[in-house]
Amino acid sequence: MLKDKFFDEISNKISEAIAASPAKDIEKNVRAMMGSAFNKMDLVTREEFEIQQEVLARTRETLTQMEARVADLEMRLQTNNPQDGI
């Protein structure tokens, strides 16, 4: 029990020392600098990427269906008017 209290106290002291140290300010500055750089790169989140991936997959599927319909309609038109193809 005494050991647990001792380790808790040490852990708290270390956390307080880190929070009050310049390392915390450096971390904040680096995070802000990286955030700014990422914004300038015009990056997207993983969620936005996955949404666009789904939209693209649906668009491809629709395009494939439309191409098949057009081919079918062209074949029907050719069958009904065989002279127009010559």
PDB file of N, CA and C in Angstrom:
ATOM      1  N   MET A   1       0.813  -1.182   0.000  1.00  0.00           N
ATOM      2  CA  MET A   1       0.000   0.000   0.000  1.00  0.00           C
ATOM      3  C   MET A   1       0.860   1.251   0.000  1.00  0.00           C
ATOM      4  N   LEU A   2       1.902   1.205   0.793  1.00  0.00           N
ATOM      5  CA  LEU A   2       2.835   2.317   0.842  1.00  0.00           C
ATOM      6  C   LEU A   2       3.543   2.493  -0.489  1.00  0.00           C
ATOM      7  N   LYS A   3       3.848   1.373  -1.130  1.00  0.00           N
ATOM      8  CA  LYS A   3       4.520   1.427  -2.435  1.00  0.00           C
ATOM      9  C   LYS A   3       3.617   2.084  -3.470  1.00  0.00           C
ATOM     10  N   ASP A   4       2.321   1.725  -3.439  1.00  0.00           N
ATOM     11  CA  ASP A   4       1.378   2.314  -4.398  1.00  0.00           C
ATOM     12  C   ASP A   4       1.290   3.825  -4.219  1.00  0.00           C
ATOM     13  N   LYS A   5       1.205   4.262  -2.983  1.00  0.00           N
ATOM     14  CA  LYS A   5       1.126   5.695  -2.703  1.00  0.00           C
ATOM     15  C   LYS A   5       2.410   6.396  -3.143  1.00  0.00           C
ATOM     16  N   PHE A   6       3.535   5.757  -2.867  1.00  0.00           N
ATOM     17  CA  PHE A   6       4.825   6.320  -3.254  1.00  0.00           C
ATOM     18  C   PHE A   6       4.916   6.484  -4.773  1.00  0.00           C
ATOM     19  N   PHE A   7       4.522   5.441  -5.524  1.00  0.00           N
ATOM     20  CA  PHE A   7       4.575   5.512  -6.983  1.00  0.00           C
ATOM     21  C   PHE A   7       3.577   6.528  -7.540  1.00  0.00           C
ATOM     22  N   ASP A   8       2.421   6.641  -6.920  1.00  0.00           N
ATOM     23  CA  ASP A   8       1.449   7.645  -7.340  1.00  0.00           C
ATOM     24  C   ASP A   8       1.994   9.051  -7.144  1.00  0.00           C
ATOM     25  N   GLU A   9       2.638   9.273  -6.017  1.00  0.00           N
ATOM     26  CA  GLU A   9       3.221  10.583  -5.737  1.00  0.00           C
ATOM     27  C   GLU A   9       4.314  10.921  -6.741  1.00  0.00           C
ATOM     28  N   ILE A  10       5.174   9.949  -7.020  1.00  0.00           N
ATOM     29  CA  ILE A  10       6.246  10.170  -7.997  1.00  0.00           C
ATOM     30  C   ILE A  10       5.646  10.452  -9.378  1.00  0.00           C
ATOM     31  N   SER A  11       4.638   9.695  -9.747  1.00  0.00           N
ATOM     32  CA  SER A  11       3.994   9.886 -11.041  1.00  0.00           C
ATOM     33  C   SER A  11       3.378  11.286 -11.134  1.00  0.00           C
ATOM     34  N   ASN A  12       2.728  11.706 -10.085  1.00  0.00           N
ATOM     35  CA  ASN A  12       2.129  13.046 -10.068  1.00  0.00           C
ATOM     36  C   ASN A  12       3.193  14.130 -10.168  1.00  0.00           C
ATOM     37  N   LYS A  13       4.300  13.952  -9.441  1.00  0.00           N
ATOM     38  CA  LYS A  13       5.384  14.942  -9.475  1.00  0.00           C
ATOM     39  C   LYS A  13       5.984  15.031 -10.877  1.00  0.00           C
ATOM     40  N   ILE A  14       6.170  13.891 -11.521  1.00  0.00           N
ATOM     41  CA  ILE A  14       6.734  13.872 -12.875  1.00  0.00           C
ATOM     42  C   ILE A  14       5.779  14.561 -13.847  1.00  0.00           C
ATOM     43  N   SER A  15       4.490  14.262 -13.723  1.00  0.00           N
ATOM     44  CA  SER A  15       3.491  14.887 -14.597  1.00  0.00           C
ATOM     45  C   SER A  15       3.476  16.400 -14.415  1.00  0.00           C
ATOM     46  N   GLU A  16       3.558  16.846 -13.150  1.00  0.00           N
ATOM     47  CA  GLU A  16       3.579  18.281 -12.874  1.00  0.00           C
ATOM     48  C   GLU A  16       4.836  18.929 -13.448  1.00  0.00           C
ATOM     49  N   ALA A  17       5.969  18.236 -13.298  1.00  0.00           N
ATOM     50  CA  ALA A  17       7.229  18.788 -13.807  1.00  0.00           C
ATOM     51  C   ALA A  17       7.194  18.910 -15.323  1.00  0.00           C
ATOM     52  N   ILE A  18       6.657  17.922 -15.998  1.00  0.00           N
ATOM     53  CA  ILE A  18       6.569  17.958 -17.463  1.00  0.00           C
ATOM     54  C   ILE A  18       5.608  19.053 -17.912  1.00  0.00           C
ATOM     55  N   ALA A  19       4.475  19.186 -17.198  1.00  0.00           N
ATOM     56  CA  ALA A  19       3.492  20.202 -17.559  1.00  0.00           C
ATOM     57  C   ALA A  19       4.056  21.610 -17.401  1.00  0.00           C
ATOM     58  N   ALA A  20       4.944  21.783 -16.414  1.00  0.00           N
ATOM     59  CA  ALA A  20       5.504  23.110 -16.158  1.00  0.00           C
ATOM     60  C   ALA A  20       6.802  23.358 -16.917  1.00  0.00           C
ATOM     61  N   SER A  21       7.294  22.375 -17.622  1.00  0.00           N
ATOM     62  CA  SER A  21       8.592  22.512 -18.292  1.00  0.00           C
ATOM     63  C   SER A  21       8.442  23.160 -19.666  1.00  0.00           C
ATOM     64  N   PRO A  22       9.538  23.644 -20.217  1.00  0.00           N
ATOM     65  CA  PRO A  22       9.515  24.202 -21.575  1.00  0.00           C
ATOM     66  C   PRO A  22       9.173  23.153 -22.632  1.00  0.00           C
ATOM     67  N   ALA A  23       9.342  21.883 -22.292  1.00  0.00           N
ATOM     68  CA  ALA A  23       9.024  20.820 -23.251  1.00  0.00           C
ATOM     69  C   ALA A  23       7.551  20.887 -23.653  1.00  0.00           C
ATOM     70  N   LYS A  24       6.682  21.252 -22.736  1.00  0.00           N
ATOM     71  CA  LYS A  24       5.253  21.358 -23.045  1.00  0.00           C
ATOM     72  C   LYS A  24       5.007  22.485 -24.046  1.00  0.00           C
ATOM     73  N   ASP A  25       5.704  23.615 -23.862  1.00  0.00           N
ATOM     74  CA  ASP A  25       5.579  24.730 -24.812  1.00  0.00           C
ATOM     75  C   ASP A  25       6.118  24.348 -26.181  1.00  0.00           C
ATOM     76  N   ILE A  26       7.215  23.623 -26.185  1.00  0.00           N
ATOM     77  CA  ILE A  26       7.794  23.178 -27.463  1.00  0.00           C
ATOM     78  C   ILE A  26       6.819  22.252 -28.174  1.00  0.00           C
ATOM     79  N   GLU A  27       6.196  21.357 -27.418  1.00  0.00           N
ATOM     80  CA  GLU A  27       5.225  20.436 -28.006  1.00  0.00           C
ATOM     81  C   GLU A  27       4.058  21.213 -28.623  1.00  0.00           C
ATOM     82  N   LYS A  28       3.544  22.211 -27.894  1.00  0.00           N
ATOM     83  CA  LYS A  28       2.443  23.027 -28.415  1.00  0.00           C
ATOM     84  C   LYS A  28       2.862  23.747 -29.694  1.00  0.00           C
ATOM     85  N   ASN A  29       4.061  24.304 -29.698  1.00  0.00           N
ATOM     86  CA  ASN A  29       4.547  25.030 -30.873  1.00  0.00           C
ATOM     87  C   ASN A  29       4.725  24.108 -32.070  1.00  0.00           C
ATOM     88  N   VAL A  30       5.274  22.929 -31.829  1.00  0.00           N
ATOM     89  CA  VAL A  30       5.481  21.965 -32.923  1.00  0.00           C
ATOM     90  C   VAL A  30       4.133  21.522 -33.476  1.00  0.00           C
ATOM     91  N   ARG A  31       3.179  21.255 -32.591  1.00  0.00           N
ATOM     92  CA  ARG A  31       1.842  20.850 -33.055  1.00  0.00           C
ATOM     93  C   ARG A  31       1.198  21.953 -33.901  1.00  0.00           C
ATOM     94  N   ALA A  32       1.313  23.190 -33.443  1.00  0.00           N
ATOM     95  CA  ALA A  32       0.740  24.310 -34.192  1.00  0.00           C
ATOM     96  C   ALA A  32       1.421  24.462 -35.546  1.00  0.00           C
ATOM     97  N   MET A  33       2.734  24.322 -35.567  1.00  0.00           N
ATOM     98  CA  MET A  33       3.488  24.450 -36.809  1.00  0.00           C
ATOM     99  C   MET A  33       3.119  23.325 -37.784  1.00  0.00           C
ATOM    100  N   MET A  34       3.002  22.105 -37.272  1.00  0.00           N
ATOM    101  CA  MET A  34       2.629  20.981 -38.129  1.00  0.00           C
ATOM    102  C   MET A  34       1.199  21.138 -38.639  1.00  0.00           C
ATOM    103  N   GLY A  35       0.305  21.597 -37.771  1.00  0.00           N
ATOM    104  CA  GLY A  35      -1.081  21.823 -38.194  1.00  0.00           C
ATOM    105  C   GLY A  35      -1.161  22.848 -39.299  1.00  0.00           C
ATOM    106  N   SER A  36      -0.384  23.910 -39.169  1.00  0.00           N
ATOM    107  CA  SER A  36      -0.349  24.948 -40.200  1.00  0.00           C
ATOM    108  C   SER A  36       0.193  24.387 -41.514  1.00  0.00           C
ATOM    109  N   ALA A  37       1.252  23.609 -41.423  1.00  0.00           N
ATOM    110  CA  ALA A  37       1.842  23.016 -42.633  1.00  0.00           C
ATOM    111  C   ALA A  37       0.858  22.066 -43.305  1.00  0.00           C
ATOM    112  N   PHE A  38       0.155  21.270 -42.513  1.00  0.00           N
ATOM    113  CA  PHE A  38      -0.819  20.340 -43.084  1.00  0.00           C
ATOM    114  C   PHE A  38      -1.969  21.083 -43.744  1.00  0.00           C
ATOM    115  N   ASN A  39      -2.391  22.193 -43.153  1.00  0.00           N
ATOM    116  CA  ASN A  39      -3.463  22.982 -43.767  1.00  0.00           C
ATOM    117  C   ASN A  39      -3.017  23.565 -45.101  1.00  0.00           C
ATOM    118  N   LYS A  40      -1.775  23.996 -45.190  1.00  0.00           N
ATOM    119  CA  LYS A  40      -1.253  24.547 -46.438  1.00  0.00           C
ATOM    120  C   LYS A  40      -1.147  23.480 -47.516  1.00  0.00           C
ATOM    121  N   MET A  41      -0.939  22.235 -47.104  1.00  0.00           N
ATOM    122  CA  MET A  41      -0.830  21.130 -48.064  1.00  0.00           C
ATOM    123  C   MET A  41      -2.189  20.726 -48.616  1.00  0.00           C
ATOM    124  N   ASP A  42      -3.266  21.246 -48.032  1.00  0.00           N
ATOM    125  CA  ASP A  42      -4.616  20.939 -48.474  1.00  0.00           C
ATOM    126  C   ASP A  42      -4.902  19.442 -48.388  1.00  0.00           C
ATOM    127  N   LEU A  43      -4.537  18.840 -47.275  1.00  0.00           N
ATOM    128  CA  LEU A  43      -4.777  17.419 -47.039  1.00  0.00           C
ATOM    129  C   LEU A  43      -6.216  17.188 -46.611  1.00  0.00           C
ATOM    130  N   VAL A  44      -6.694  15.981 -46.803  1.00  0.00           N
ATOM    131  CA  VAL A  44      -8.038  15.623 -46.355  1.00  0.00           C
ATOM    132  C   VAL A  44      -7.932  14.593 -45.242  1.00  0.00           C
ATOM    133  N   THR A  45      -8.992  14.498 -44.470  1.00  0.00           N
ATOM    134  CA  THR A  45      -9.012  13.503 -43.401  1.00  0.00           C
ATOM    135  C   THR A  45      -9.274  12.127 -43.991  1.00  0.00           C
ATOM    136  N   ARG A  46      -9.008  11.121 -43.220  1.00  0.00           N
ATOM    137  CA  ARG A  46      -9.244   9.748 -43.658  1.00  0.00           C
ATOM    138  C   ARG A  46     -10.731   9.551 -43.960  1.00  0.00           C
ATOM    139  N   GLU A  47     -11.582  10.150 -43.124  1.00  0.00           N
ATOM    140  CA  GLU A  47     -13.026  10.031 -43.311  1.00  0.00           C
ATOM    141  C   GLU A  47     -13.459  10.654 -44.640  1.00  0.00           C
ATOM    142  N   GLU A  48     -12.939  11.837 -44.949  1.00  0.00           N
ATOM    143  CA  GLU A  48     -13.269  12.487 -46.222  1.00  0.00           C
ATOM    144  C   GLU A  48     -12.782  11.653 -47.402  1.00  0.00           C
ATOM    145  N   PHE A  49     -11.596  11.066 -47.260  1.00  0.00           N
ATOM    146  CA  PHE A  49     -11.042  10.224 -48.323  1.00  0.00           C
ATOM    147  C   PHE A  49     -11.937   9.013 -48.562  1.00  0.00           C
ATOM    148  N   GLU A  50     -12.367   8.365 -47.481  1.00  0.00           N
ATOM    149  CA  GLU A  50     -13.197   7.170 -47.619  1.00  0.00           C
ATOM    150  C   GLU A  50     -14.554   7.502 -48.230  1.00  0.00           C
ATOM    151  N   ILE A  51     -15.112   8.665 -47.874  1.00  0.00           N
ATOM    152  CA  ILE A  51     -16.389   9.088 -48.462  1.00  0.00           C
ATOM    153  C   ILE A  51     -16.218   9.283 -49.968  1.00  0.00           C
ATOM    154  N   GLN A  52     -15.156   9.966 -50.376  1.00  0.00           N
ATOM    155  CA  GLN A  52     -14.916  10.192 -51.804  1.00  0.00           C
ATOM    156  C   GLN A  52     -14.657   8.874 -52.536  1.00  0.00           C
ATOM    157  N   GLN A  53     -14.021   7.931 -51.855  1.00  0.00           N
ATOM    158  CA  GLN A  53     -13.774   6.616 -52.441  1.00  0.00           C
ATOM    159  C   GLN A  53     -15.098   5.904 -52.716  1.00  0.00           C
ATOM    160  N   GLU A  54     -16.041   6.007 -51.775  1.00  0.00           N
ATOM    161  CA  GLU A  54     -17.360   5.403 -51.960  1.00  0.00           C
ATOM    162  C   GLU A  54     -18.120   6.072 -53.103  1.00  0.00           C
ATOM    163  N   VAL A  55     -18.047   7.395 -53.177  1.00  0.00           N
ATOM    164  CA  VAL A  55     -18.717   8.139 -54.251  1.00  0.00           C
ATOM    165  C   VAL A  55     -18.151   7.706 -55.605  1.00  0.00           C
ATOM    166  N   LEU A  56     -16.844   7.579 -55.680  1.00  0.00           N
ATOM    167  CA  LEU A  56     -16.208   7.160 -56.930  1.00  0.00           C
ATOM    168  C   LEU A  56     -16.637   5.748 -57.316  1.00  0.00           C
ATOM    169  N   ALA A  57     -16.723   4.846 -56.354  1.00  0.00           N
ATOM    170  CA  ALA A  57     -17.143   3.475 -56.651  1.00  0.00           C
ATOM    171  C   ALA A  57     -18.576   3.455 -57.187  1.00  0.00           C
ATOM    172  N   ARG A  58     -19.467   4.231 -56.568  1.00  0.00           N
ATOM    173  CA  ARG A  58     -20.852   4.302 -57.057  1.00  0.00           C
ATOM    174  C   ARG A  58     -20.913   4.914 -58.449  1.00  0.00           C
ATOM    175  N   THR A  59     -20.097   5.928 -58.694  1.00  0.00           N
ATOM    176  CA  THR A  59     -20.074   6.574 -60.009  1.00  0.00           C
ATOM    177  C   THR A  59     -19.591   5.600 -61.077  1.00  0.00           C
ATOM    178  N   ARG A  60     -18.564   4.840 -60.752  1.00  0.00           N
ATOM    179  CA  ARG A  60     -18.061   3.837 -61.708  1.00  0.00           C
ATOM    180  C   ARG A  60     -19.135   2.802 -62.012  1.00  0.00           C
ATOM    181  N   GLU A  61     -19.853   2.367 -60.972  1.00  0.00           N
ATOM    182  CA  GLU A  61     -20.906   1.372 -61.164  1.00  0.00           C
ATOM    183  C   GLU A  61     -22.016   1.930 -62.068  1.00  0.00           C
ATOM    184  N   THR A  62     -22.408   3.166 -61.817  1.00  0.00           N
ATOM    185  CA  THR A  62     -23.433   3.808 -62.645  1.00  0.00           C
ATOM    186  C   THR A  62     -22.952   3.946 -64.080  1.00  0.00           C
ATOM    187  N   LEU A  63     -21.708   4.344 -64.269  1.00  0.00           N
ATOM    188  CA  LEU A  63     -21.152   4.482 -65.614  1.00  0.00           C
ATOM    189  C   LEU A  63     -21.156   3.147 -66.346  1.00  0.00           C
ATOM    190  N   THR A  64     -20.779   2.088 -65.680  1.00  0.00           N
ATOM    191  CA  THR A  64     -20.774   0.756 -66.291  1.00  0.00           C
ATOM    192  C   THR A  64     -22.187   0.363 -66.716  1.00  0.00           C
ATOM    193  N   GLN A  65     -23.163   0.632 -65.853  1.00  0.00           N
ATOM    194  CA  GLN A  65     -24.556   0.314 -66.195  1.00  0.00           C
ATOM    195  C   GLN A  65     -25.026   1.135 -67.390  1.00  0.00           C
ATOM    196  N   MET A  66     -24.666   2.401 -67.414  1.00  0.00           N
ATOM    197  CA  MET A  66     -25.082   3.268 -68.526  1.00  0.00           C
ATOM    198  C   MET A  66     -24.420   2.847 -69.836  1.00  0.00           C
ATOM    199  N   GLU A  67     -23.155   2.462 -69.766  1.00  0.00           N
ATOM    200  CA  GLU A  67     -22.476   1.987 -70.976  1.00  0.00           C
ATOM    201  C   GLU A  67     -23.166   0.745 -71.522  1.00  0.00           C
ATOM    202  N   ALA A  68     -23.575  -0.154 -70.627  1.00  0.00           N
ATOM    203  CA  ALA A  68     -24.271  -1.369 -71.067  1.00  0.00           C
ATOM    204  C   ALA A  68     -25.617  -1.011 -71.694  1.00  0.00           C
ATOM    205  N   ARG A  69     -26.335  -0.051 -71.109  1.00  0.00           N
ATOM    206  CA  ARG A  69     -27.620   0.366 -71.671  1.00  0.00           C
ATOM    207  C   ARG A  69     -27.438   0.991 -73.048  1.00  0.00           C
ATOM    208  N   VAL A  70     -26.433   1.831 -73.209  1.00  0.00           N
ATOM    209  CA  VAL A  70     -26.175   2.469 -74.503  1.00  0.00           C
ATOM    210  C   VAL A  70     -25.829   1.405 -75.549  1.00  0.00           C
ATOM    211  N   ALA A  71     -24.995   0.452 -75.172  1.00  0.00           N
ATOM    212  CA  ALA A  71     -24.638  -0.619 -76.108  1.00  0.00           C
ATOM    213  C   ALA A  71     -25.877  -1.412 -76.509  1.00  0.00           C
ATOM    214  N   ASP A  72     -26.759  -1.685 -75.540  1.00  0.00           N
ATOM    215  CA  ASP A  72     -27.996  -2.407 -75.834  1.00  0.00           C
ATOM    216  C   ASP A  72     -28.888  -1.601 -76.765  1.00  0.00           C
ATOM    217  N   LEU A  73     -29.028  -0.309 -76.485  1.00  0.00           N
ATOM    218  CA  LEU A  73     -29.853   0.545 -77.347  1.00  0.00           C
ATOM    219  C   LEU A  73     -29.272   0.648 -78.754  1.00  0.00           C
ATOM    220  N   GLU A  74     -27.949   0.746 -78.862  1.00  0.00           N
ATOM    221  CA  GLU A  74     -27.323   0.794 -80.183  1.00  0.00           C
ATOM    222  C   GLU A  74     -27.569  -0.498 -80.940  1.00  0.00           C
ATOM    223  N   MET A  75     -27.504  -1.623 -80.232  1.00  0.00           N
ATOM    224  CA  MET A  75     -27.735  -2.919 -80.889  1.00  0.00           C
ATOM    225  C   MET A  75     -29.184  -3.011 -81.358  1.00  0.00           C
ATOM    226  N   ARG A  76     -30.125  -2.559 -80.533  1.00  0.00           N
ATOM    227  CA  ARG A  76     -31.538  -2.581 -80.926  1.00  0.00           C
ATOM    228  C   ARG A  76     -31.778  -1.684 -82.138  1.00  0.00           C
ATOM    229  N   LEU A  77     -31.162  -0.522 -82.121  1.00  0.00           N
ATOM    230  CA  LEU A  77     -31.312   0.414 -83.235  1.00  0.00           C
ATOM    231  C   LEU A  77     -30.737  -0.208 -84.508  1.00  0.00           C
ATOM    232  N   GLN A  78     -29.592  -0.857 -84.377  1.00  0.00           N
ATOM    233  CA  GLN A  78     -28.962  -1.504 -85.530  1.00  0.00           C
ATOM    234  C   GLN A  78     -29.817  -2.642 -86.038  1.00  0.00           C
ATOM    235  N   THR A  79     -30.443  -3.383 -85.139  1.00  0.00           N
ATOM    236  CA  THR A  79     -31.283  -4.508 -85.531  1.00  0.00           C
ATOM    237  C   THR A  79     -32.532  -4.031 -86.243  1.00  0.00           C
ATOM    238  N   ASN A  80     -33.107  -2.930 -85.763  1.00  0.00           N
ATOM    239  CA  ASN A  80     -34.335  -2.405 -86.370  1.00  0.00           C
ATOM    240  C   ASN A  80     -34.092  -1.683 -87.679  1.00  0.00           C
ATOM    241  N   ASN A  81     -32.913  -1.117 -87.869  1.00  0.00           N
ATOM    242  CA  ASN A  81     -32.573  -0.378 -89.087  1.00  0.00           C
ATOM    243  C   ASN A  81     -31.243  -0.878 -89.643  1.00  0.00           C
ATOM    244  N   PRO A  82     -31.223  -2.070 -90.215  1.00  0.00           N
ATOM    245  CA  PRO A  82     -29.949  -2.618 -90.697  1.00  0.00           C
ATOM    246  C   PRO A  82     -29.335  -1.831 -91.841  1.00  0.00           C
ATOM    247  N   GLN A  83     -30.119  -1.072 -92.613  1.00  0.00           N
ATOM    248  CA  GLN A  83     -29.590  -0.328 -93.740  1.00  0.00           C
ATOM    249  C   GLN A  83     -28.781   0.898 -93.294  1.00  0.00           C
ATOM    250  N   ASP A  84     -29.103   1.459 -92.115  1.00  0.00           N
ATOM    251  CA  ASP A  84     -28.419   2.664 -91.654  1.00  0.00           C
ATOM    252  C   ASP A  84     -26.961   2.399 -91.324  1.00  0.00           C
ATOM    253  N   GLY A  85     -26.621   1.172 -91.043  1.00  0.00           N
ATOM    254  CA  GLY A  85     -25.230   0.851 -90.699  1.00  0.00           C
ATOM    255  C   GLY A  85     -24.317   0.769 -91.902  1.00  0.00           C
ATOM    256  N   ILE A  86     -24.870   0.710 -93.115  1.00  0.00           N
ATOM    257  CA  ILE A  86     -24.048   0.547 -94.306  1.00  0.00           C
ATOM    258  C   ILE A  86     -23.703   1.858 -94.902  1.00  0.00           C
TER     259      ILE A  86
END
